[in-house]
């Protein structure tokens, strides 16, 4: 089926959603997603961040859809035309959804372990406002201990349900879920049980905000001070392929490897995540490439760079144009150490 998104056409298989088609195209046309997760069945349709405008339904029925639709749960039709970033309605809707998600969210980014890799931060920077219209009291919850490895901050939760789906689909003994209803809905364990199944740590990776964080990494460091490396080890419970976050020669935390949409490539077990923090436990493959706009990626680049030879003429005026003195800047070659760092992708 042929689908056009923001003027870019692509052919997709039947059953493909608009969001999946947009990700195949890539670029700025990809809608943000806070609840959809391609590895989890049944995810999507809850946060409304991925709203798009369908200007043409299909070749068979070219009428536009009257309302904005959630791209993560709306299937493509042959001849469909979709407006994402090119629609003012979509832009305003995303601003409104962002404002809604931030209504009860506390302004604790300076102390949150998720800062620097938070999907809600990225959404807020792109679609948020600098002021708030909410004058009522924010909802708050008492701290709750849900286990030895995972810290629950319910005040930050946006109820995306990802953590519940991870427990449902990876384990046989889910003990947590969404309690209560309406504005009191919250993630909690059943009768204060501890979450201790072998794959529970993946709840941390799928959480788009700082509601579920790693206790072994809690308040240790900011993520932009760590350097992530791809690493692997022989594990009889999972794939053993992870990202280790290092500060100098110390591994401060271990996470699953994530793609450009912040989704893990493969889920990992708690043994790899929490119990192996020695460099000798891992085979280090090399540094990871960062996102273009990542906090960690400041002053670094993803693409391969060529040395730039500067030969710019700088004009210095002395009274009149004809008295301008021209200075030629010399070429500055890379040093041997800089060349080695450049080959590793660190320069």
C-alpha atoms as a PDB file:
ATOM      1  CA  UNK A   1       0.000   0.000   0.000  1.00  0.00           C
ATOM      2  CA  UNK A   2       1.213   3.497  -0.818  1.00  0.00           C
ATOM      3  CA  UNK A   3       1.074   6.018   2.023  1.00  0.00           C
ATOM      4  CA  UNK A   4       2.171   9.663   1.942  1.00  0.00           C
ATOM      5  CA  UNK A   5       3.308  11.379   5.161  1.00  0.00           C
ATOM      6  CA  UNK A   6       4.207  15.078   5.013  1.00  0.00           C
ATOM      7  CA  UNK A   7       4.672  14.769   1.254  1.00  0.00           C
ATOM      8  CA  UNK A   8       6.969  11.730   1.498  1.00  0.00           C
ATOM      9  CA  UNK A   9       5.586   8.562  -0.088  1.00  0.00           C
ATOM     10  CA  UNK A  10       6.370   5.019   1.047  1.00  0.00           C
ATOM     11  CA  UNK A  11       5.025   1.551   0.287  1.00  0.00           C
ATOM     12  CA  UNK A  12       4.125  -0.579   3.313  1.00  0.00           C
ATOM     13  CA  UNK A  13       2.654  -3.989   4.027  1.00  0.00           C
ATOM     14  CA  UNK A  14      -1.024  -4.327   5.047  1.00  0.00           C
ATOM     15  CA  UNK A  15      -1.437  -4.023   8.818  1.00  0.00           C
ATOM     16  CA  UNK A  16       1.259  -1.350   9.158  1.00  0.00           C
ATOM     17  CA  UNK A  17       0.263   1.577  11.368  1.00  0.00           C
ATOM     18  CA  UNK A  18       0.858   5.211  10.472  1.00  0.00           C
ATOM     19  CA  UNK A  19       3.489   5.518  13.203  1.00  0.00           C
ATOM     20  CA  UNK A  20       5.384   2.484  11.904  1.00  0.00           C
ATOM     21  CA  UNK A  21       5.277   3.907   8.378  1.00  0.00           C
ATOM     22  CA  UNK A  22       6.564   7.253   9.638  1.00  0.00           C
ATOM     23  CA  UNK A  23       9.456   5.491  11.390  1.00  0.00           C
ATOM     24  CA  UNK A  24      10.326   3.777   8.119  1.00  0.00           C
ATOM     25  CA  UNK A  25      10.603   7.227   6.521  1.00  0.00           C
ATOM     26  CA  UNK A  26      12.414   8.727   9.512  1.00  0.00           C
ATOM     27  CA  UNK A  27      13.248  12.355  10.136  1.00  0.00           C
ATOM     28  CA  UNK A  28      11.084  15.055  11.647  1.00  0.00           C
ATOM     29  CA  UNK A  29       7.834  13.485  10.418  1.00  0.00           C
ATOM     30  CA  UNK A  30       8.005  10.714  13.051  1.00  0.00           C
ATOM     31  CA  UNK A  31       5.371  11.459  15.735  1.00  0.00           C
ATOM     32  CA  UNK A  32       6.477  11.321  19.383  1.00  0.00           C
ATOM     33  CA  UNK A  33       5.282   8.324  21.401  1.00  0.00           C
ATOM     34  CA  UNK A  34       5.156   7.981  25.181  1.00  0.00           C
ATOM     35  CA  UNK A  35       3.075   4.795  25.517  1.00  0.00           C
ATOM     36  CA  UNK A  36       3.633   2.866  22.254  1.00  0.00           C
ATOM     37  CA  UNK A  37       6.405   0.246  22.385  1.00  0.00           C
ATOM     38  CA  UNK A  38       6.963  -1.983  19.377  1.00  0.00           C
ATOM     39  CA  UNK A  39       8.231  -4.889  21.542  1.00  0.00           C
ATOM     40  CA  UNK A  40       5.067  -4.944  23.698  1.00  0.00           C
ATOM     41  CA  UNK A  41       1.768  -6.302  22.385  1.00  0.00           C
ATOM     42  CA  UNK A  42      -1.229  -4.085  23.021  1.00  0.00           C
ATOM     43  CA  UNK A  43       0.757  -0.927  23.700  1.00  0.00           C
ATOM     44  CA  UNK A  44      -0.283   2.424  22.273  1.00  0.00           C
ATOM     45  CA  UNK A  45      -3.403   4.553  22.173  1.00  0.00           C
ATOM     46  CA  UNK A  46      -3.111   5.943  25.700  1.00  0.00           C
ATOM     47  CA  UNK A  47      -0.904   9.047  25.760  1.00  0.00           C
ATOM     48  CA  UNK A  48      -2.239  10.729  22.556  1.00  0.00           C
ATOM     49  CA  UNK A  49       1.185  12.254  21.818  1.00  0.00           C
ATOM     50  CA  UNK A  50       1.314  10.722  18.342  1.00  0.00           C
ATOM     51  CA  UNK A  51      -1.818  12.415  16.964  1.00  0.00           C
ATOM     52  CA  UNK A  52      -1.754  13.081  13.208  1.00  0.00           C
ATOM     53  CA  UNK A  53      -4.133  14.518  10.629  1.00  0.00           C
ATOM     54  CA  UNK A  54      -5.422  12.209   7.871  1.00  0.00           C
ATOM     55  CA  UNK A  55      -6.097  14.521   4.926  1.00  0.00           C
ATOM     56  CA  UNK A  56      -7.103  11.666   2.613  1.00  0.00           C
ATOM     57  CA  UNK A  57      -8.482   8.384   3.891  1.00  0.00           C
ATOM     58  CA  UNK A  58      -7.629   6.185   0.899  1.00  0.00           C
ATOM     59  CA  UNK A  59      -8.022   5.905  -2.851  1.00  0.00           C
ATOM     60  CA  UNK A  60     -11.353   4.136  -2.343  1.00  0.00           C
ATOM     61  CA  UNK A  61     -12.626   6.781   0.099  1.00  0.00           C
ATOM     62  CA  UNK A  62     -10.658  10.036  -0.262  1.00  0.00           C
ATOM     63  CA  UNK A  63     -12.605  11.895   2.417  1.00  0.00           C
ATOM     64  CA  UNK A  64     -10.427  13.281   5.235  1.00  0.00           C
ATOM     65  CA  UNK A  65     -10.908  11.999   8.762  1.00  0.00           C
ATOM     66  CA  UNK A  66     -12.709  14.735  10.728  1.00  0.00           C
ATOM     67  CA  UNK A  67     -10.688  14.285  13.932  1.00  0.00           C
ATOM     68  CA  UNK A  68      -7.016  13.781  14.635  1.00  0.00           C
ATOM     69  CA  UNK A  69      -6.139  10.100  15.073  1.00  0.00           C
ATOM     70  CA  UNK A  70      -3.541   8.277  17.161  1.00  0.00           C
ATOM     71  CA  UNK A  71      -0.975   7.138  14.609  1.00  0.00           C
ATOM     72  CA  UNK A  72       0.239   4.206  16.756  1.00  0.00           C
ATOM     73  CA  UNK A  73      -3.093   2.342  16.529  1.00  0.00           C
ATOM     74  CA  UNK A  74      -4.414   3.587  13.158  1.00  0.00           C
ATOM     75  CA  UNK A  75      -3.704   1.297  10.209  1.00  0.00           C
ATOM     76  CA  UNK A  76      -2.554   2.561   6.838  1.00  0.00           C
ATOM     77  CA  UNK A  77      -4.800   2.435   3.766  1.00  0.00           C
ATOM     78  CA  UNK A  78      -3.720   2.477   0.125  1.00  0.00           C
ATOM     79  CA  UNK A  79      -3.549   6.079  -1.067  1.00  0.00           C
ATOM     80  CA  UNK A  80      -3.726   7.554   2.441  1.00  0.00           C
ATOM     81  CA  UNK A  81      -2.262  11.024   2.914  1.00  0.00           C
ATOM     82  CA  UNK A  82      -1.156  12.059   6.405  1.00  0.00           C
ATOM     83  CA  UNK A  83      -0.015  15.396   7.812  1.00  0.00           C
ATOM     84  CA  UNK A  84       2.272  15.286  10.837  1.00  0.00           C
ATOM     85  CA  UNK A  85       4.634  18.222  11.315  1.00  0.00           C
ATOM     86  CA  UNK A  86       3.060  20.048   8.358  1.00  0.00           C
ATOM     87  CA  UNK A  87      -0.295  20.456  10.158  1.00  0.00           C
ATOM     88  CA  UNK A  88      -1.023  23.351  12.537  1.00  0.00           C
ATOM     89  CA  UNK A  89      -3.816  21.289  14.132  1.00  0.00           C
ATOM     90  CA  UNK A  90      -1.341  18.541  14.976  1.00  0.00           C
ATOM     91  CA  UNK A  91       1.190  21.011  16.385  1.00  0.00           C
ATOM     92  CA  UNK A  92      -1.402  22.591  18.664  1.00  0.00           C
ATOM     93  CA  UNK A  93      -2.733  19.183  19.729  1.00  0.00           C
ATOM     94  CA  UNK A  94       0.747  17.995  20.723  1.00  0.00           C
ATOM     95  CA  UNK A  95       1.284  21.164  22.733  1.00  0.00           C
ATOM     96  CA  UNK A  96      -2.003  20.546  24.536  1.00  0.00           C
ATOM     97  CA  UNK A  97      -1.178  16.885  25.237  1.00  0.00           C
ATOM     98  CA  UNK A  98       2.256  17.883  26.550  1.00  0.00           C
ATOM     99  CA  UNK A  99       0.658  20.462  28.836  1.00  0.00           C
ATOM    100  CA  UNK A 100      -1.789  17.812  30.059  1.00  0.00           C
ATOM    101  CA  UNK A 101       0.987  15.299  30.821  1.00  0.00           C
ATOM    102  CA  UNK A 102       2.887  17.958  32.781  1.00  0.00           C
ATOM    103  CA  UNK A 103      -0.099  18.995  34.920  1.00  0.00           C
ATOM    104  CA  UNK A 104       0.759  16.623  37.783  1.00  0.00           C
ATOM    105  CA  UNK A 105       4.389  15.991  36.932  1.00  0.00           C
ATOM    106  CA  UNK A 106       6.744  17.460  39.579  1.00  0.00           C
ATOM    107  CA  UNK A 107       9.489  19.841  38.505  1.00  0.00           C
ATOM    108  CA  UNK A 108      12.271  17.693  39.931  1.00  0.00           C
ATOM    109  CA  UNK A 109      14.451  17.206  36.842  1.00  0.00           C
ATOM    110  CA  UNK A 110      17.517  18.513  38.777  1.00  0.00           C
ATOM    111  CA  UNK A 111      17.329  15.521  41.151  1.00  0.00           C
ATOM    112  CA  UNK A 112      15.779  12.914  38.828  1.00  0.00           C
ATOM    113  CA  UNK A 113      18.007  10.064  37.615  1.00  0.00           C
ATOM    114  CA  UNK A 114      16.136  10.038  34.292  1.00  0.00           C
ATOM    115  CA  UNK A 115      17.219  13.594  33.419  1.00  0.00           C
ATOM    116  CA  UNK A 116      19.198  13.701  30.202  1.00  0.00           C
ATOM    117  CA  UNK A 117      17.507  10.632  28.684  1.00  0.00           C
ATOM    118  CA  UNK A 118      13.854  11.350  29.506  1.00  0.00           C
ATOM    119  CA  UNK A 119      11.214  11.132  26.758  1.00  0.00           C
ATOM    120  CA  UNK A 120       9.021  13.595  28.632  1.00  0.00           C
ATOM    121  CA  UNK A 121      11.882  16.101  28.714  1.00  0.00           C
ATOM    122  CA  UNK A 122      12.345  15.730  24.955  1.00  0.00           C
ATOM    123  CA  UNK A 123       8.608  16.141  24.401  1.00  0.00           C
ATOM    124  CA  UNK A 124       8.519  19.209  26.645  1.00  0.00           C
ATOM    125  CA  UNK A 125      11.487  20.863  24.958  1.00  0.00           C
ATOM    126  CA  UNK A 126       9.856  20.452  21.546  1.00  0.00           C
ATOM    127  CA  UNK A 127       6.171  20.995  22.322  1.00  0.00           C
ATOM    128  CA  UNK A 128       6.009  22.398  25.858  1.00  0.00           C
ATOM    129  CA  UNK A 129       5.345  25.909  27.119  1.00  0.00           C
ATOM    130  CA  UNK A 130       7.479  27.985  29.433  1.00  0.00           C
ATOM    131  CA  UNK A 131       4.567  28.706  31.776  1.00  0.00           C
ATOM    132  CA  UNK A 132       1.700  26.744  33.301  1.00  0.00           C
ATOM    133  CA  UNK A 133      -2.008  27.527  33.599  1.00  0.00           C
ATOM    134  CA  UNK A 134      -2.601  24.884  36.267  1.00  0.00           C
ATOM    135  CA  UNK A 135      -3.343  26.543  39.616  1.00  0.00           C
ATOM    136  CA  UNK A 136      -4.802  23.536  41.471  1.00  0.00           C
ATOM    137  CA  UNK A 137      -2.784  21.314  43.769  1.00  0.00           C
ATOM    138  CA  UNK A 138      -0.821  18.562  42.041  1.00  0.00           C
ATOM    139  CA  UNK A 139      -1.677  14.978  42.960  1.00  0.00           C
ATOM    140  CA  UNK A 140       0.884  13.314  45.203  1.00  0.00           C
ATOM    141  CA  UNK A 141       1.467   9.779  46.475  1.00  0.00           C
ATOM    142  CA  UNK A 142       3.255   8.376  49.478  1.00  0.00           C
ATOM    143  CA  UNK A 143       6.611   6.660  48.742  1.00  0.00           C
ATOM    144  CA  UNK A 144       6.255   2.897  48.363  1.00  0.00           C
ATOM    145  CA  UNK A 145       8.898   0.179  48.486  1.00  0.00           C
ATOM    146  CA  UNK A 146       8.320  -2.282  45.631  1.00  0.00           C
ATOM    147  CA  UNK A 147      11.574  -4.234  45.854  1.00  0.00           C
ATOM    148  CA  UNK A 148      15.340  -4.140  46.379  1.00  0.00           C
ATOM    149  CA  UNK A 149      16.315  -2.984  42.887  1.00  0.00           C
ATOM    150  CA  UNK A 150      13.592  -0.660  41.586  1.00  0.00           C
ATOM    151  CA  UNK A 151      12.609   2.738  42.994  1.00  0.00           C
ATOM    152  CA  UNK A 152       9.012   3.836  42.365  1.00  0.00           C
ATOM    153  CA  UNK A 153       8.282   7.577  42.096  1.00  0.00           C
ATOM    154  CA  UNK A 154       4.541   7.567  41.510  1.00  0.00           C
ATOM    155  CA  UNK A 155       4.367  11.383  41.420  1.00  0.00           C
ATOM    156  CA  UNK A 156       6.246  11.294  38.085  1.00  0.00           C
ATOM    157  CA  UNK A 157       4.175   8.527  36.489  1.00  0.00           C
ATOM    158  CA  UNK A 158       2.116   9.309  33.359  1.00  0.00           C
ATOM    159  CA  UNK A 159       0.280   5.929  33.356  1.00  0.00           C
ATOM    160  CA  UNK A 160       1.623   4.697  30.035  1.00  0.00           C
ATOM    161  CA  UNK A 161       1.127   1.035  31.203  1.00  0.00           C
ATOM    162  CA  UNK A 162       4.442  -0.086  29.675  1.00  0.00           C
ATOM    163  CA  UNK A 163       5.770  -1.532  32.934  1.00  0.00           C
ATOM    164  CA  UNK A 164       2.564  -3.515  33.451  1.00  0.00           C
ATOM    165  CA  UNK A 165       2.798  -4.960  29.941  1.00  0.00           C
ATOM    166  CA  UNK A 166       6.446  -5.912  30.467  1.00  0.00           C
ATOM    167  CA  UNK A 167       5.513  -7.874  33.583  1.00  0.00           C
ATOM    168  CA  UNK A 168       2.541  -9.468  31.829  1.00  0.00           C
ATOM    169  CA  UNK A 169       4.436 -10.525  28.721  1.00  0.00           C
ATOM    170  CA  UNK A 170       7.876 -11.442  30.137  1.00  0.00           C
ATOM    171  CA  UNK A 171       6.936 -13.128  33.412  1.00  0.00           C
ATOM    172  CA  UNK A 172       4.304 -15.460  34.822  1.00  0.00           C
ATOM    173  CA  UNK A 173       3.874 -13.790  38.196  1.00  0.00           C
ATOM    174  CA  UNK A 174       3.005 -10.120  37.801  1.00  0.00           C
ATOM    175  CA  UNK A 175       2.332  -8.571  41.216  1.00  0.00           C
ATOM    176  CA  UNK A 176       1.814  -4.932  40.234  1.00  0.00           C
ATOM    177  CA  UNK A 177      -0.628  -2.982  38.131  1.00  0.00           C
ATOM    178  CA  UNK A 178      -2.833   0.112  37.969  1.00  0.00           C
ATOM    179  CA  UNK A 179      -4.798   0.659  41.154  1.00  0.00           C
ATOM    180  CA  UNK A 180      -7.831   2.915  41.757  1.00  0.00           C
ATOM    181  CA  UNK A 181      -9.593   4.933  39.083  1.00  0.00           C
ATOM    182  CA  UNK A 182      -9.799   8.421  37.630  1.00  0.00           C
ATOM    183  CA  UNK A 183      -7.329  11.022  38.871  1.00  0.00           C
ATOM    184  CA  UNK A 184      -6.275   8.642  41.686  1.00  0.00           C
ATOM    185  CA  UNK A 185      -5.027   5.925  39.304  1.00  0.00           C
ATOM    186  CA  UNK A 186      -1.551   4.794  40.238  1.00  0.00           C
ATOM    187  CA  UNK A 187       0.988   2.045  39.702  1.00  0.00           C
ATOM    188  CA  UNK A 188       1.378  -0.121  42.797  1.00  0.00           C
ATOM    189  CA  UNK A 189       1.988  -3.668  43.948  1.00  0.00           C
ATOM    190  CA  UNK A 190      -0.801  -5.933  45.075  1.00  0.00           C
ATOM    191  CA  UNK A 191      -0.959  -5.969  48.908  1.00  0.00           C
ATOM    192  CA  UNK A 192       2.532  -4.421  49.107  1.00  0.00           C
ATOM    193  CA  UNK A 193       4.325  -7.378  47.521  1.00  0.00           C
ATOM    194  CA  UNK A 194       7.884  -6.888  46.305  1.00  0.00           C
ATOM    195  CA  UNK A 195       8.656  -7.124  42.597  1.00  0.00           C
ATOM    196  CA  UNK A 196      11.409  -9.731  42.407  1.00  0.00           C
ATOM    197  CA  UNK A 197      10.970 -11.703  39.164  1.00  0.00           C
ATOM    198  CA  UNK A 198      14.064 -12.253  37.016  1.00  0.00           C
ATOM    199  CA  UNK A 199      13.134  -9.768  34.260  1.00  0.00           C
ATOM    200  CA  UNK A 200      11.606  -7.031  36.409  1.00  0.00           C
ATOM    201  CA  UNK A 201      14.491  -4.642  35.690  1.00  0.00           C
ATOM    202  CA  UNK A 202      13.174  -4.142  32.163  1.00  0.00           C
ATOM    203  CA  UNK A 203      10.435  -2.009  33.712  1.00  0.00           C
ATOM    204  CA  UNK A 204      13.163   0.607  34.225  1.00  0.00           C
ATOM    205  CA  UNK A 205      14.168   0.565  30.549  1.00  0.00           C
ATOM    206  CA  UNK A 206      10.632   0.895  29.177  1.00  0.00           C
ATOM    207  CA  UNK A 207       9.545   3.680  31.547  1.00  0.00           C
ATOM    208  CA  UNK A 208       9.535   6.930  29.511  1.00  0.00           C
ATOM    209  CA  UNK A 209       9.849   9.159  32.611  1.00  0.00           C
ATOM    210  CA  UNK A 210      11.600   8.897  35.990  1.00  0.00           C
ATOM    211  CA  UNK A 211       8.822   6.938  37.693  1.00  0.00           C
ATOM    212  CA  UNK A 212      10.839   3.707  37.791  1.00  0.00           C
ATOM    213  CA  UNK A 213      14.564   4.067  38.374  1.00  0.00           C
ATOM    214  CA  UNK A 214      17.522   1.832  39.218  1.00  0.00           C
ATOM    215  CA  UNK A 215      18.295   1.780  42.967  1.00  0.00           C
ATOM    216  CA  UNK A 216      21.871   0.668  42.285  1.00  0.00           C
ATOM    217  CA  UNK A 217      22.401   3.847  40.219  1.00  0.00           C
ATOM    218  CA  UNK A 218      20.301   6.161  42.380  1.00  0.00           C
ATOM    219  CA  UNK A 219      21.961   9.599  42.838  1.00  0.00           C
ATOM    220  CA  UNK A 220      25.347   8.194  41.755  1.00  0.00           C
ATOM    221  CA  UNK A 221      25.903  10.370  38.717  1.00  0.00           C
ATOM    222  CA  UNK A 222      24.242  12.283  35.891  1.00  0.00           C
ATOM    223  CA  UNK A 223      23.926  10.229  32.709  1.00  0.00           C
ATOM    224  CA  UNK A 224      25.917  12.771  30.686  1.00  0.00           C
ATOM    225  CA  UNK A 225      28.942  12.208  32.932  1.00  0.00           C
ATOM    226  CA  UNK A 226      28.904   8.499  32.030  1.00  0.00           C
ATOM    227  CA  UNK A 227      30.089   7.045  28.758  1.00  0.00           C
ATOM    228  CA  UNK A 228      27.997   4.177  27.316  1.00  0.00           C
ATOM    229  CA  UNK A 229      29.691   1.152  25.750  1.00  0.00           C
ATOM    230  CA  UNK A 230      28.182  -1.851  24.024  1.00  0.00           C
ATOM    231  CA  UNK A 231      29.149  -4.972  25.944  1.00  0.00           C
ATOM    232  CA  UNK A 232      28.177  -8.625  26.180  1.00  0.00           C
ATOM    233  CA  UNK A 233      28.678 -11.673  28.345  1.00  0.00           C
ATOM    234  CA  UNK A 234      27.635 -15.319  28.284  1.00  0.00           C
ATOM    235  CA  UNK A 235      24.298 -15.535  30.075  1.00  0.00           C
ATOM    236  CA  UNK A 236      22.003 -18.551  30.309  1.00  0.00           C
ATOM    237  CA  UNK A 237      18.907 -16.427  31.027  1.00  0.00           C
ATOM    238  CA  UNK A 238      19.021 -13.690  28.366  1.00  0.00           C
ATOM    239  CA  UNK A 239      20.940 -12.549  25.296  1.00  0.00           C
ATOM    240  CA  UNK A 240      23.684 -10.981  27.451  1.00  0.00           C
ATOM    241  CA  UNK A 241      23.947  -7.981  25.075  1.00  0.00           C
ATOM    242  CA  UNK A 242      23.819  -4.740  27.056  1.00  0.00           C
ATOM    243  CA  UNK A 243      25.013  -1.165  27.355  1.00  0.00           C
ATOM    244  CA  UNK A 244      27.383  -0.527  30.253  1.00  0.00           C
ATOM    245  CA  UNK A 245      27.603   3.065  31.501  1.00  0.00           C
ATOM    246  CA  UNK A 246      31.109   3.844  32.709  1.00  0.00           C
ATOM    247  CA  UNK A 247      32.646   6.654  34.715  1.00  0.00           C
ATOM    248  CA  UNK A 248      36.363   6.225  34.203  1.00  0.00           C
ATOM    249  CA  UNK A 249      37.065   2.521  34.836  1.00  0.00           C
ATOM    250  CA  UNK A 250      33.927   1.992  36.933  1.00  0.00           C
ATOM    251  CA  UNK A 251      30.673   0.535  35.582  1.00  0.00           C
ATOM    252  CA  UNK A 252      27.952   2.544  37.293  1.00  0.00           C
ATOM    253  CA  UNK A 253      24.927   0.900  35.685  1.00  0.00           C
ATOM    254  CA  UNK A 254      23.875  -1.611  33.026  1.00  0.00           C
ATOM    255  CA  UNK A 255      20.901  -1.181  30.673  1.00  0.00           C
ATOM    256  CA  UNK A 256      19.457  -2.809  27.589  1.00  0.00           C
ATOM    257  CA  UNK A 257      20.630  -1.543  24.229  1.00  0.00           C
ATOM    258  CA  UNK A 258      18.207   1.043  22.895  1.00  0.00           C
ATOM    259  CA  UNK A 259      17.487   2.189  19.351  1.00  0.00           C
ATOM    260  CA  UNK A 260      16.864   5.725  18.115  1.00  0.00           C
ATOM    261  CA  UNK A 261      13.276   5.591  19.429  1.00  0.00           C
ATOM    262  CA  UNK A 262      14.479   4.630  22.945  1.00  0.00           C
ATOM    263  CA  UNK A 263      13.198   1.064  22.629  1.00  0.00           C
ATOM    264  CA  UNK A 264      15.378  -1.815  23.823  1.00  0.00           C
ATOM    265  CA  UNK A 265      16.626  -4.158  21.131  1.00  0.00           C
ATOM    266  CA  UNK A 266      16.375  -7.178  23.468  1.00  0.00           C
ATOM    267  CA  UNK A 267      15.242  -7.522  27.070  1.00  0.00           C
ATOM    268  CA  UNK A 268      17.905  -8.509  29.612  1.00  0.00           C
ATOM    269  CA  UNK A 269      17.763 -10.352  32.932  1.00  0.00           C
ATOM    270  CA  UNK A 270      18.278  -8.898  36.407  1.00  0.00           C
ATOM    271  CA  UNK A 271      21.546 -10.792  36.795  1.00  0.00           C
ATOM    272  CA  UNK A 272      23.162  -8.903  33.933  1.00  0.00           C
ATOM    273  CA  UNK A 273      21.583  -5.608  34.994  1.00  0.00           C
ATOM    274  CA  UNK A 274      22.222  -5.533  38.746  1.00  0.00           C
ATOM    275  CA  UNK A 275      24.828  -8.156  39.680  1.00  0.00           C
ATOM    276  CA  UNK A 276      27.659  -7.653  37.202  1.00  0.00           C
ATOM    277  CA  UNK A 277      29.271  -4.256  37.707  1.00  0.00           C
ATOM    278  CA  UNK A 278      32.922  -5.294  37.235  1.00  0.00           C
ATOM    279  CA  UNK A 279      34.690  -4.573  33.947  1.00  0.00           C
ATOM    280  CA  UNK A 280      36.092  -8.114  34.023  1.00  0.00           C
ATOM    281  CA  UNK A 281      32.526  -9.471  33.815  1.00  0.00           C
ATOM    282  CA  UNK A 282      32.034  -8.030  30.338  1.00  0.00           C
ATOM    283  CA  UNK A 283      33.486  -8.090  26.848  1.00  0.00           C
ATOM    284  CA  UNK A 284      33.525  -4.398  25.895  1.00  0.00           C
ATOM    285  CA  UNK A 285      32.702  -4.019  22.197  1.00  0.00           C
ATOM    286  CA  UNK A 286      33.167  -0.265  21.888  1.00  0.00           C
ATOM    287  CA  UNK A 287      31.468   3.092  22.512  1.00  0.00           C
ATOM    288  CA  UNK A 288      27.886   3.624  21.417  1.00  0.00           C
ATOM    289  CA  UNK A 289      26.826   6.259  18.935  1.00  0.00           C
ATOM    290  CA  UNK A 290      24.708   8.982  20.478  1.00  0.00           C
ATOM    291  CA  UNK A 291      21.625  10.731  19.225  1.00  0.00           C
ATOM    292  CA  UNK A 292      22.140  13.989  17.389  1.00  0.00           C
ATOM    293  CA  UNK A 293      20.363  16.001  20.106  1.00  0.00           C
ATOM    294  CA  UNK A 294      21.522  13.956  23.108  1.00  0.00           C
ATOM    295  CA  UNK A 295      22.879  15.751  26.159  1.00  0.00           C
ATOM    296  CA  UNK A 296      25.772  13.272  26.125  1.00  0.00           C
ATOM    297  CA  UNK A 297      26.514  14.152  22.511  1.00  0.00           C
ATOM    298  CA  UNK A 298      27.389  17.808  23.073  1.00  0.00           C
ATOM    299  CA  UNK A 299      30.416  18.770  20.927  1.00  0.00           C
ATOM    300  CA  UNK A 300      30.460  15.311  19.308  1.00  0.00           C
ATOM    301  CA  UNK A 301      28.995  14.040  16.050  1.00  0.00           C
ATOM    302  CA  UNK A 302      27.525  10.779  14.766  1.00  0.00           C
ATOM    303  CA  UNK A 303      28.714  11.026  11.197  1.00  0.00           C
ATOM    304  CA  UNK A 304      32.279  10.505  10.047  1.00  0.00           C
ATOM    305  CA  UNK A 305      34.154  13.790   9.881  1.00  0.00           C
ATOM    306  CA  UNK A 306      36.932  14.923   7.598  1.00  0.00           C
ATOM    307  CA  UNK A 307      39.600  17.370   8.779  1.00  0.00           C
ATOM    308  CA  UNK A 308      38.684  20.934   7.856  1.00  0.00           C
ATOM    309  CA  UNK A 309      41.451  23.092   6.376  1.00  0.00           C
ATOM    310  CA  UNK A 310      40.812  26.745   7.165  1.00  0.00           C
ATOM    311  CA  UNK A 311      41.955  29.318   4.605  1.00  0.00           C
ATOM    312  CA  UNK A 312      39.634  32.200   5.428  1.00  0.00           C
ATOM    313  CA  UNK A 313      40.577  35.773   4.808  1.00  0.00           C
ATOM    314  CA  UNK A 314      39.792  37.983   7.782  1.00  0.00           C
ATOM    315  CA  UNK A 315      39.357  41.672   7.019  1.00  0.00           C
ATOM    316  CA  UNK A 316      40.546  44.330   9.432  1.00  0.00           C
ATOM    317  CA  UNK A 317      39.301  47.802   8.551  1.00  0.00           C
ATOM    318  CA  UNK A 318      41.580  50.740   8.952  1.00  0.00           C
ATOM    319  CA  UNK A 319      39.552  53.782   8.037  1.00  0.00           C
ATOM    320  CA  UNK A 320      38.545  52.843   4.478  1.00  0.00           C
ATOM    321  CA  UNK A 321      37.957  49.622   2.463  1.00  0.00           C
ATOM    322  CA  UNK A 322      41.071  50.132   0.336  1.00  0.00           C
ATOM    323  CA  UNK A 323      43.186  50.080   3.514  1.00  0.00           C
ATOM    324  CA  UNK A 324      41.927  46.643   4.545  1.00  0.00           C
ATOM    325  CA  UNK A 325      44.655  44.255   5.640  1.00  0.00           C
ATOM    326  CA  UNK A 326      44.145  40.634   4.647  1.00  0.00           C
ATOM    327  CA  UNK A 327      45.262  37.838   6.933  1.00  0.00           C
ATOM    328  CA  UNK A 328      45.361  34.195   5.771  1.00  0.00           C
ATOM    329  CA  UNK A 329      44.685  31.602   8.498  1.00  0.00           C
ATOM    330  CA  UNK A 330      47.148  28.648   8.431  1.00  0.00           C
ATOM    331  CA  UNK A 331      46.021  25.011   8.096  1.00  0.00           C
ATOM    332  CA  UNK A 332      45.851  23.164  11.415  1.00  0.00           C
ATOM    333  CA  UNK A 333      46.480  19.392  11.035  1.00  0.00           C
ATOM    334  CA  UNK A 334      45.271  16.856  13.630  1.00  0.00           C
ATOM    335  CA  UNK A 335      47.784  15.579  16.136  1.00  0.00           C
ATOM    336  CA  UNK A 336      48.508  11.842  16.411  1.00  0.00           C
ATOM    337  CA  UNK A 337      46.413  11.557  19.598  1.00  0.00           C
ATOM    338  CA  UNK A 338      43.542  13.484  17.995  1.00  0.00           C
ATOM    339  CA  UNK A 339      43.693  11.230  14.920  1.00  0.00           C
ATOM    340  CA  UNK A 340      43.416   8.126  17.137  1.00  0.00           C
ATOM    341  CA  UNK A 341      40.419   9.616  19.007  1.00  0.00           C
ATOM    342  CA  UNK A 342      38.868  10.550  15.652  1.00  0.00           C
ATOM    343  CA  UNK A 343      39.163   6.959  14.398  1.00  0.00           C
ATOM    344  CA  UNK A 344      37.420   5.729  17.588  1.00  0.00           C
ATOM    345  CA  UNK A 345      34.568   8.168  17.008  1.00  0.00           C
ATOM    346  CA  UNK A 346      35.286  10.204  20.132  1.00  0.00           C
ATOM    347  CA  UNK A 347      36.368  13.420  18.388  1.00  0.00           C
END
